[in-house]
PDB file of N, CA and C in Angstrom:
ATOM      1  N   MET A   1      10.387   5.995  -2.279  1.00  0.00           N
ATOM      2  CA  MET A   1       9.747   7.292  -2.396  1.00  0.00           C
ATOM      3  C   MET A   1       9.695   7.929  -1.014  1.00  0.00           C
ATOM      4  N   ARG A   2      10.121   9.154  -0.940  1.00  0.00           N
ATOM      5  CA  ARG A   2      10.119   9.854   0.335  1.00  0.00           C
ATOM      6  C   ARG A   2       8.747  10.476   0.592  1.00  0.00           C
ATOM      7  N   LEU A   3       8.364  10.509   1.851  1.00  0.00           N
ATOM      8  CA  LEU A   3       7.113  11.153   2.227  1.00  0.00           C
ATOM      9  C   LEU A   3       7.320  12.608   2.624  1.00  0.00           C
ATOM     10  N   SER A   4       8.561  13.047   2.778  1.00  0.00           N
ATOM     11  CA  SER A   4       8.794  14.401   3.253  1.00  0.00           C
ATOM     12  C   SER A   4       8.168  15.473   2.364  1.00  0.00           C
ATOM     13  N   PRO A   5       8.195  15.371   1.022  1.00  0.00           N
ATOM     14  CA  PRO A   5       7.513  16.399   0.232  1.00  0.00           C
ATOM     15  C   PRO A   5       6.016  16.439   0.517  1.00  0.00           C
ATOM     16  N   VAL A   6       5.400  15.278   0.681  1.00  0.00           N
ATOM     17  CA  VAL A   6       3.975  15.233   0.979  1.00  0.00           C
ATOM     18  C   VAL A   6       3.699  15.912   2.314  1.00  0.00           C
ATOM     19  N   GLU A   7       4.527  15.620   3.314  1.00  0.00           N
ATOM     20  CA  GLU A   7       4.345  16.234   4.634  1.00  0.00           C
ATOM     21  C   GLU A   7       4.539  17.745   4.576  1.00  0.00           C
ATOM     22  N   VAL A   8       5.543  18.191   3.830  1.00  0.00           N
ATOM     23  CA  VAL A   8       5.801  19.633   3.712  1.00  0.00           C
ATOM     24  C   VAL A   8       4.628  20.327   3.034  1.00  0.00           C
ATOM     25  N   PHE A   9       4.124  19.754   1.933  1.00  0.00           N
ATOM     26  CA  PHE A   9       3.012  20.371   1.227  1.00  0.00           C
ATOM     27  C   PHE A   9       1.760  20.436   2.106  1.00  0.00           C
ATOM     28  N   CYS A  10       1.468  19.346   2.802  1.00  0.00           N
ATOM     29  CA  CYS A  10       0.281  19.332   3.672  1.00  0.00           C
ATOM     30  C   CYS A  10       0.399  20.352   4.794  1.00  0.00           C
ATOM     31  N   THR A  11       1.584  20.476   5.377  1.00  0.00           N
ATOM     32  CA  THR A  11       1.804  21.455   6.441  1.00  0.00           C
ATOM     33  C   THR A  11       1.675  22.878   5.913  1.00  0.00           C
ATOM     34  N   ALA A  12       2.228  23.124   4.733  1.00  0.00           N
ATOM     35  CA  ALA A  12       2.137  24.468   4.144  1.00  0.00           C
ATOM     36  C   ALA A  12       0.693  24.827   3.827  1.00  0.00           C
ATOM     37  N   ILE A  13      -0.055  23.890   3.272  1.00  0.00           N
ATOM     38  CA  ILE A  13      -1.466  24.153   2.970  1.00  0.00           C
ATOM     39  C   ILE A  13      -2.233  24.458   4.243  1.00  0.00           C
ATOM     40  N   THR A  14      -2.016  23.673   5.285  1.00  0.00           N
ATOM     41  CA  THR A  14      -2.700  23.898   6.558  1.00  0.00           C
ATOM     42  C   THR A  14      -2.338  25.252   7.149  1.00  0.00           C
ATOM     43  N   ALA A  15      -1.065  25.620   7.103  1.00  0.00           N
ATOM     44  CA  ALA A  15      -0.618  26.900   7.672  1.00  0.00           C
ATOM     45  C   ALA A  15      -1.248  28.078   6.953  1.00  0.00           C
ATOM     46  N   VAL A  16      -1.242  28.041   5.629  1.00  0.00           N
ATOM     47  CA  VAL A  16      -1.800  29.165   4.865  1.00  0.00           C
ATOM     48  C   VAL A  16      -3.314  29.232   5.032  1.00  0.00           C
ATOM     49  N   GLU A  17      -3.981  28.090   5.013  1.00  0.00           N
ATOM     50  CA  GLU A  17      -5.435  28.103   5.194  1.00  0.00           C
ATOM     51  C   GLU A  17      -5.823  28.569   6.592  1.00  0.00           C
ATOM     52  N   THR A  18      -5.016  28.236   7.596  1.00  0.00           N
ATOM     53  CA  THR A  18      -5.274  28.709   8.958  1.00  0.00           C
ATOM     54  C   THR A  18      -5.101  30.225   9.038  1.00  0.00           C
ATOM     55  N   ALA A  19      -4.067  30.739   8.399  1.00  0.00           N
ATOM     56  CA  ALA A  19      -3.832  32.188   8.393  1.00  0.00           C
ATOM     57  C   ALA A  19      -4.968  32.924   7.690  1.00  0.00           C
ATOM     58  N   ILE A  20      -5.433  32.396   6.585  1.00  0.00           N
ATOM     59  CA  ILE A  20      -6.531  33.038   5.857  1.00  0.00           C
ATOM     60  C   ILE A  20      -7.817  32.954   6.670  1.00  0.00           C
ATOM     61  N   ALA A  21      -8.052  31.835   7.332  1.00  0.00           N
ATOM     62  CA  ALA A  21      -9.247  31.706   8.168  1.00  0.00           C
ATOM     63  C   ALA A  21      -9.220  32.712   9.314  1.00  0.00           C
ATOM     64  N   ALA A  22      -8.037  32.946   9.883  1.00  0.00           N
ATOM     65  CA  ALA A  22      -7.923  33.920  10.978  1.00  0.00           C
ATOM     66  C   ALA A  22      -8.132  35.341  10.473  1.00  0.00           C
ATOM     67  N   LEU A  23      -7.695  35.600   9.256  1.00  0.00           N
ATOM     68  CA  LEU A  23      -7.804  36.942   8.698  1.00  0.00           C
ATOM     69  C   LEU A  23      -9.186  37.219   8.125  1.00  0.00           C
ATOM     70  N   GLY A  24      -9.836  36.178   7.628  1.00  0.00           N
ATOM     71  CA  GLY A  24     -11.164  36.347   7.057  1.00  0.00           C
ATOM     72  C   GLY A  24     -11.115  36.702   5.580  1.00  0.00           C
ATOM     73  N   ASN A  25     -12.188  37.332   5.087  1.00  0.00           N
ATOM     74  CA  ASN A  25     -12.305  37.676   3.668  1.00  0.00           C
ATOM     75  C   ASN A  25     -11.145  38.487   3.108  1.00  0.00           C
ATOM     76  N   PRO A  26     -10.570  39.428   3.849  1.00  0.00           N
ATOM     77  CA  PRO A  26      -9.445  40.182   3.275  1.00  0.00           C
ATOM     78  C   PRO A  26      -8.276  39.286   2.853  1.00  0.00           C
ATOM     79  N   GLY A  27      -8.164  38.105   3.412  1.00  0.00           N
ATOM     80  CA  GLY A  27      -7.096  37.195   3.036  1.00  0.00           C
ATOM     81  C   GLY A  27      -7.258  36.615   1.644  1.00  0.00           C
ATOM     82  N   LEU A  28      -8.448  36.768   1.064  1.00  0.00           N
ATOM     83  CA  LEU A  28      -8.707  36.223  -0.263  1.00  0.00           C
ATOM     84  C   LEU A  28      -8.619  37.271  -1.371  1.00  0.00           C
ATOM     85  N   THR A  29      -8.324  38.510  -1.026  1.00  0.00           N
ATOM     86  CA  THR A  29      -8.229  39.555  -2.049  1.00  0.00           C
ATOM     87  C   THR A  29      -6.875  39.504  -2.736  1.00  0.00           C
ATOM     88  N   ARG A  30      -6.843  39.960  -3.981  1.00  0.00           N
ATOM     89  CA  ARG A  30      -5.615  39.897  -4.788  1.00  0.00           C
ATOM     90  C   ARG A  30      -4.468  40.708  -4.194  1.00  0.00           C
ATOM     91  N   ASN A  31      -4.761  41.784  -3.488  1.00  0.00           N
ATOM     92  CA  ASN A  31      -3.679  42.628  -2.965  1.00  0.00           C
ATOM     93  C   ASN A  31      -3.097  42.107  -1.656  1.00  0.00           C
ATOM     94  N   ASN A  32      -3.595  40.987  -1.160  1.00  0.00           N
ATOM     95  CA  ASN A  32      -3.074  40.388   0.061  1.00  0.00           C
ATOM     96  C   ASN A  32      -2.086  39.278  -0.305  1.00  0.00           C
ATOM     97  N   PRO A  33      -0.868  39.310   0.230  1.00  0.00           N
ATOM     98  CA  PRO A  33       0.124  38.271  -0.094  1.00  0.00           C
ATOM     99  C   PRO A  33      -0.348  36.855   0.249  1.00  0.00           C
ATOM    100  N   LEU A  34      -1.219  36.709   1.232  1.00  0.00           N
ATOM    101  CA  LEU A  34      -1.704  35.372   1.595  1.00  0.00           C
ATOM    102  C   LEU A  34      -2.465  34.717   0.447  1.00  0.00           C
ATOM    103  N   GLU A  35      -3.126  35.521  -0.351  1.00  0.00           N
ATOM    104  CA  GLU A  35      -3.881  34.966  -1.474  1.00  0.00           C
ATOM    105  C   GLU A  35      -2.928  34.287  -2.459  1.00  0.00           C
ATOM    106  N   ARG A  36      -1.809  34.936  -2.720  1.00  0.00           N
ATOM    107  CA  ARG A  36      -0.806  34.350  -3.619  1.00  0.00           C
ATOM    108  C   ARG A  36      -0.176  33.100  -2.994  1.00  0.00           C
ATOM    109  N   HIS A  37       0.112  33.154  -1.702  1.00  0.00           N
ATOM    110  CA  HIS A  37       0.666  31.977  -1.016  1.00  0.00           C
ATOM    111  C   HIS A  37      -0.305  30.805  -1.092  1.00  0.00           C
ATOM    112  N   ARG A  38      -1.586  31.103  -0.944  1.00  0.00           N
ATOM    113  CA  ARG A  38      -2.599  30.048  -1.004  1.00  0.00           C
ATOM    114  C   ARG A  38      -2.599  29.392  -2.377  1.00  0.00           C
ATOM    115  N   ARG A  39      -2.558  30.177  -3.429  1.00  0.00           N
ATOM    116  CA  ARG A  39      -2.527  29.611  -4.777  1.00  0.00           C
ATOM    117  C   ARG A  39      -1.263  28.779  -4.988  1.00  0.00           C
ATOM    118  N   ASP A  40      -0.138  29.262  -4.474  1.00  0.00           N
ATOM    119  CA  ASP A  40       1.125  28.532  -4.638  1.00  0.00           C
ATOM    120  C   ASP A  40       1.092  27.174  -3.938  1.00  0.00           C
ATOM    121  N   VAL A  41       0.635  27.157  -2.689  1.00  0.00           N
ATOM    122  CA  VAL A  41       0.642  25.881  -1.963  1.00  0.00           C
ATOM    123  C   VAL A  41      -0.408  24.922  -2.501  1.00  0.00           C
ATOM    124  N   LEU A  42      -1.536  25.430  -2.981  1.00  0.00           N
ATOM    125  CA  LEU A  42      -2.537  24.530  -3.553  1.00  0.00           C
ATOM    126  C   LEU A  42      -2.045  23.929  -4.864  1.00  0.00           C
ATOM    127  N   ALA A  43      -1.184  24.645  -5.574  1.00  0.00           N
ATOM    128  CA  ALA A  43      -0.610  24.112  -6.811  1.00  0.00           C
ATOM    129  C   ALA A  43       0.317  22.932  -6.530  1.00  0.00           C
ATOM    130  N   SER A  44       0.812  22.829  -5.301  1.00  0.00           N
ATOM    131  CA  SER A  44       1.705  21.720  -4.960  1.00  0.00           C
ATOM    132  C   SER A  44       0.997  20.374  -5.061  1.00  0.00           C
ATOM    133  N   ARG A  45      -0.316  20.376  -5.010  1.00  0.00           N
ATOM    134  CA  ARG A  45      -1.071  19.120  -5.079  1.00  0.00           C
ATOM    135  C   ARG A  45      -0.951  18.433  -6.435  1.00  0.00           C
ATOM    136  N   VAL A  46      -0.651  19.185  -7.472  1.00  0.00           N
ATOM    137  CA  VAL A  46      -0.589  18.589  -8.808  1.00  0.00           C
ATOM    138  C   VAL A  46       0.830  18.249  -9.242  1.00  0.00           C
ATOM    139  N   HIS A  47       1.823  18.564  -8.423  1.00  0.00           N
ATOM    140  CA  HIS A  47       3.206  18.258  -8.758  1.00  0.00           C
ATOM    141  C   HIS A  47       3.618  16.944  -8.105  1.00  0.00           C
ATOM    142  N   PRO A  48       4.415  16.143  -8.809  1.00  0.00           N
ATOM    143  CA  PRO A  48       4.832  14.864  -8.241  1.00  0.00           C
ATOM    144  C   PRO A  48       5.708  15.053  -7.020  1.00  0.00           C
ATOM    145  N   PRO A  49       5.699  14.181  -6.048  1.00  0.00           N
ATOM    146  CA  PRO A  49       4.792  13.049  -5.954  1.00  0.00           C
ATOM    147  C   PRO A  49       3.442  13.503  -5.425  1.00  0.00           C
ATOM    148  N   GLN A  50       2.389  13.084  -6.079  1.00  0.00           N
ATOM    149  CA  GLN A  50       1.058  13.443  -5.608  1.00  0.00           C
ATOM    150  C   GLN A  50       0.762  12.640  -4.346  1.00  0.00           C
ATOM    151  N   ASP A  51      -0.010  13.262  -3.456  1.00  0.00           N
ATOM    152  CA  ASP A  51      -0.267  12.675  -2.140  1.00  0.00           C
ATOM    153  C   ASP A  51      -0.741  11.231  -2.213  1.00  0.00           C
ATOM    154  N   ASP A  52      -1.762  10.982  -3.014  1.00  0.00           N
ATOM    155  CA  ASP A  52      -2.338   9.638  -3.021  1.00  0.00           C
ATOM    156  C   ASP A  52      -1.343   8.592  -3.508  1.00  0.00           C
ATOM    157  N   ALA A  53      -0.572   8.910  -4.533  1.00  0.00           N
ATOM    158  CA  ALA A  53       0.401   7.941  -5.048  1.00  0.00           C
ATOM    159  C   ALA A  53       1.529   7.707  -4.045  1.00  0.00           C
ATOM    160  N   ALA A  54       2.024   8.772  -3.436  1.00  0.00           N
ATOM    161  CA  ALA A  54       3.118   8.633  -2.469  1.00  0.00           C
ATOM    162  C   ALA A  54       2.673   7.831  -1.251  1.00  0.00           C
ATOM    163  N   LEU A  55       1.485   8.111  -0.736  1.00  0.00           N
ATOM    164  CA  LEU A  55       0.991   7.389   0.435  1.00  0.00           C
ATOM    165  C   LEU A  55       0.673   5.932   0.099  1.00  0.00           C
ATOM    166  N   LEU A  56       0.167   5.684  -1.105  1.00  0.00           N
ATOM    167  CA  LEU A  56      -0.134   4.314  -1.517  1.00  0.00           C
ATOM    168  C   LEU A  56       1.139   3.474  -1.596  1.00  0.00           C
ATOM    169  N   VAL A  57       2.166   4.012  -2.227  1.00  0.00           N
ATOM    170  CA  VAL A  57       3.430   3.279  -2.347  1.00  0.00           C
ATOM    171  C   VAL A  57       4.057   3.062  -0.975  1.00  0.00           C
ATOM    172  N   ALA A  58       4.027   4.106  -0.124  1.00  0.00           N
ATOM    173  CA  ALA A  58       4.608   3.972   1.216  1.00  0.00           C
ATOM    174  C   ALA A  58       3.866   2.905   2.027  1.00  0.00           C
ATOM    175  N   GLY A  59       2.559   2.895   1.945  1.00  0.00           N
ATOM    176  CA  GLY A  59       1.777   1.895   2.668  1.00  0.00           C
ATOM    177  C   GLY A  59       2.076   0.484   2.203  1.00  0.00           C
ATOM    178  N   HIS A  60       2.192   0.310   0.906  1.00  0.00           N
ATOM    179  CA  HIS A  60       2.502  -1.018   0.380  1.00  0.00           C
ATOM    180  C   HIS A  60       3.909  -1.455   0.750  1.00  0.00           C
ATOM    181  N   ARG A  61       4.839  -0.520   0.804  1.00  0.00           N
ATOM    182  CA  ARG A  61       6.200  -0.883   1.227  1.00  0.00           C
ATOM    183  C   ARG A  61       6.224  -1.336   2.677  1.00  0.00           C
ATOM    184  N   VAL A  62       5.466  -0.654   3.523  1.00  0.00           N
ATOM    185  CA  VAL A  62       5.412  -1.050   4.937  1.00  0.00           C
ATOM    186  C   VAL A  62       4.786  -2.430   5.060  1.00  0.00           C
ATOM    187  N   LEU A  63       3.675  -2.658   4.366  1.00  0.00           N
ATOM    188  CA  LEU A  63       3.030  -3.974   4.429  1.00  0.00           C
ATOM    189  C   LEU A  63       3.948  -5.066   3.899  1.00  0.00           C
ATOM    190  N   ALA A  64       4.658  -4.783   2.824  1.00  0.00           N
ATOM    191  CA  ALA A  64       5.567  -5.785   2.255  1.00  0.00           C
ATOM    192  C   ALA A  64       6.735  -6.074   3.195  1.00  0.00           C
ATOM    193  N   THR A  65       7.127  -5.088   3.996  1.00  0.00           N
ATOM    194  CA  THR A  65       8.228  -5.285   4.941  1.00  0.00           C
ATOM    195  C   THR A  65       7.818  -6.216   6.077  1.00  0.00           C
ATOM    196  N   TYR A  66       6.612  -6.013   6.601  1.00  0.00           N
ATOM    197  CA  TYR A  66       6.186  -6.774   7.771  1.00  0.00           C
ATOM    198  C   TYR A  66       5.383  -8.022   7.424  1.00  0.00           C
ATOM    199  N   MET A  67       4.840  -8.094   6.235  1.00  0.00           N
ATOM    200  CA  MET A  67       4.049  -9.250   5.830  1.00  0.00           C
ATOM    201  C   MET A  67       4.385  -9.619   4.388  1.00  0.00           C
ATOM    202  N   PRO A  68       5.645  -9.968   4.102  1.00  0.00           N
ATOM    203  CA  PRO A  68       6.060 -10.185   2.716  1.00  0.00           C
ATOM    204  C   PRO A  68       5.341 -11.336   2.018  1.00  0.00           C
ATOM    205  N   GLU A  69       4.927 -12.338   2.777  1.00  0.00           N
ATOM    206  CA  GLU A  69       4.294 -13.493   2.144  1.00  0.00           C
ATOM    207  C   GLU A  69       2.906 -13.170   1.601  1.00  0.00           C
ATOM    208  N   THR A  70       2.222 -12.184   2.164  1.00  0.00           N
ATOM    209  CA  THR A  70       0.868 -11.862   1.697  1.00  0.00           C
ATOM    210  C   THR A  70       0.768 -10.495   1.027  1.00  0.00           C
ATOM    211  N   HIS A  71       1.781  -9.671   1.137  1.00  0.00           N
ATOM    212  CA  HIS A  71       1.699  -8.318   0.585  1.00  0.00           C
ATOM    213  C   HIS A  71       2.894  -7.971  -0.294  1.00  0.00           C
ATOM    214  N   SER A  72       3.243  -8.865  -1.191  1.00  0.00           N
ATOM    215  CA  SER A  72       4.339  -8.530  -2.096  1.00  0.00           C
ATOM    216  C   SER A  72       3.844  -7.465  -3.075  1.00  0.00           C
ATOM    217  N   PRO A  73       4.699  -6.540  -3.466  1.00  0.00           N
ATOM    218  CA  PRO A  73       4.276  -5.467  -4.370  1.00  0.00           C
ATOM    219  C   PRO A  73       3.716  -5.985  -5.690  1.00  0.00           C
ATOM    220  N   GLU A  74       4.222  -7.100  -6.179  1.00  0.00           N
ATOM    221  CA  GLU A  74       3.766  -7.616  -7.460  1.00  0.00           C
ATOM    222  C   GLU A  74       2.316  -8.102  -7.404  1.00  0.00           C
ATOM    223  N   THR A  75       1.910  -8.674  -6.283  1.00  0.00           N
ATOM    224  CA  THR A  75       0.550  -9.213  -6.201  1.00  0.00           C
ATOM    225  C   THR A  75      -0.428  -8.242  -5.567  1.00  0.00           C
ATOM    226  N   TYR A  76       0.057  -7.334  -4.768  1.00  0.00           N
ATOM    227  CA  TYR A  76      -0.846  -6.458  -4.031  1.00  0.00           C
ATOM    228  C   TYR A  76      -1.111  -5.143  -4.741  1.00  0.00           C
ATOM    229  N   MET A  77      -0.156  -4.676  -5.553  1.00  0.00           N
ATOM    230  CA  MET A  77      -0.302  -3.388  -6.215  1.00  0.00           C
ATOM    231  C   MET A  77      -0.554  -3.571  -7.703  1.00  0.00           C
ATOM    232  N   PRO A  78      -1.661  -3.034  -8.203  1.00  0.00           N
ATOM    233  CA  PRO A  78      -1.878  -3.089  -9.651  1.00  0.00           C
ATOM    234  C   PRO A  78      -0.799  -2.288 -10.372  1.00  0.00           C
ATOM    235  N   GLU A  79      -0.475  -2.678 -11.571  1.00  0.00           N
ATOM    236  CA  GLU A  79       0.552  -1.991 -12.353  1.00  0.00           C
ATOM    237  C   GLU A  79       0.246  -0.511 -12.525  1.00  0.00           C
ATOM    238  N   THR A  80      -1.032  -0.146 -12.587  1.00  0.00           N
ATOM    239  CA  THR A  80      -1.386   1.259 -12.820  1.00  0.00           C
ATOM    240  C   THR A  80      -0.970   2.147 -11.657  1.00  0.00           C
ATOM    241  N   TYR A  81      -0.802   1.581 -10.473  1.00  0.00           N
ATOM    242  CA  TYR A  81      -0.434   2.376  -9.313  1.00  0.00           C
ATOM    243  C   TYR A  81       1.059   2.341  -9.015  1.00  0.00           C
ATOM    244  N   MET A  82       1.809   1.508  -9.728  1.00  0.00           N
ATOM    245  CA  MET A  82       3.222   1.388  -9.454  1.00  0.00           C
ATOM    246  C   MET A  82       4.008   2.368 -10.313  1.00  0.00           C
ATOM    247  N   PRO A  83       4.602   3.385  -9.704  1.00  0.00           N
ATOM    248  CA  PRO A  83       5.415   4.313 -10.485  1.00  0.00           C
ATOM    249  C   PRO A  83       6.598   3.590 -11.098  1.00  0.00           C
ATOM    250  N   GLU A  84       7.112   4.130 -12.195  1.00  0.00           N
ATOM    251  CA  GLU A  84       8.230   3.497 -12.866  1.00  0.00           C
ATOM    252  C   GLU A  84       9.474   3.453 -11.985  1.00  0.00           C
ATOM    253  N   THR A  85       9.571   4.378 -11.046  1.00  0.00           N
ATOM    254  CA  THR A  85      10.746   4.434 -10.174  1.00  0.00           C
ATOM    255  C   THR A  85      10.601   3.554  -8.949  1.00  0.00           C
ATOM    256  N   TYR A  86       9.526   2.777  -8.871  1.00  0.00           N
ATOM    257  CA  TYR A  86       9.285   1.940  -7.697  1.00  0.00           C
ATOM    258  C   TYR A  86      10.309   0.825  -7.623  1.00  0.00           C
ATOM    259  N   THR A  87      10.934   0.701  -6.469  1.00  0.00           N
ATOM    260  CA  THR A  87      11.845  -0.414  -6.214  1.00  0.00           C
ATOM    261  C   THR A  87      11.508  -0.999  -4.861  1.00  0.00           C
ATOM    262  N   PRO A  88      11.118  -2.257  -4.817  1.00  0.00           N
ATOM    263  CA  PRO A  88      10.735  -2.851  -3.515  1.00  0.00           C
ATOM    264  C   PRO A  88      11.918  -3.009  -2.586  1.00  0.00           C
TER     265      PRO A  88
END
């Protein structure tokens, strides 16, 4: 699983929220394009890969790489957190 989508979404959310914070209340009105951008980037949180799942899988892969005897994906990750596309 790649982390690049997670990084892109987080950066976009931070950029838009920073712009709205600099602009103030007018940035939240419907006629301001930033308001639409804010809704678009916040919607990215619900599209796969979701941040928590992507970071969890990435963390377990790193641990399994450096400590395979104690952090194998089968014993360390519950089935509910393992995406179907997971390959160790």
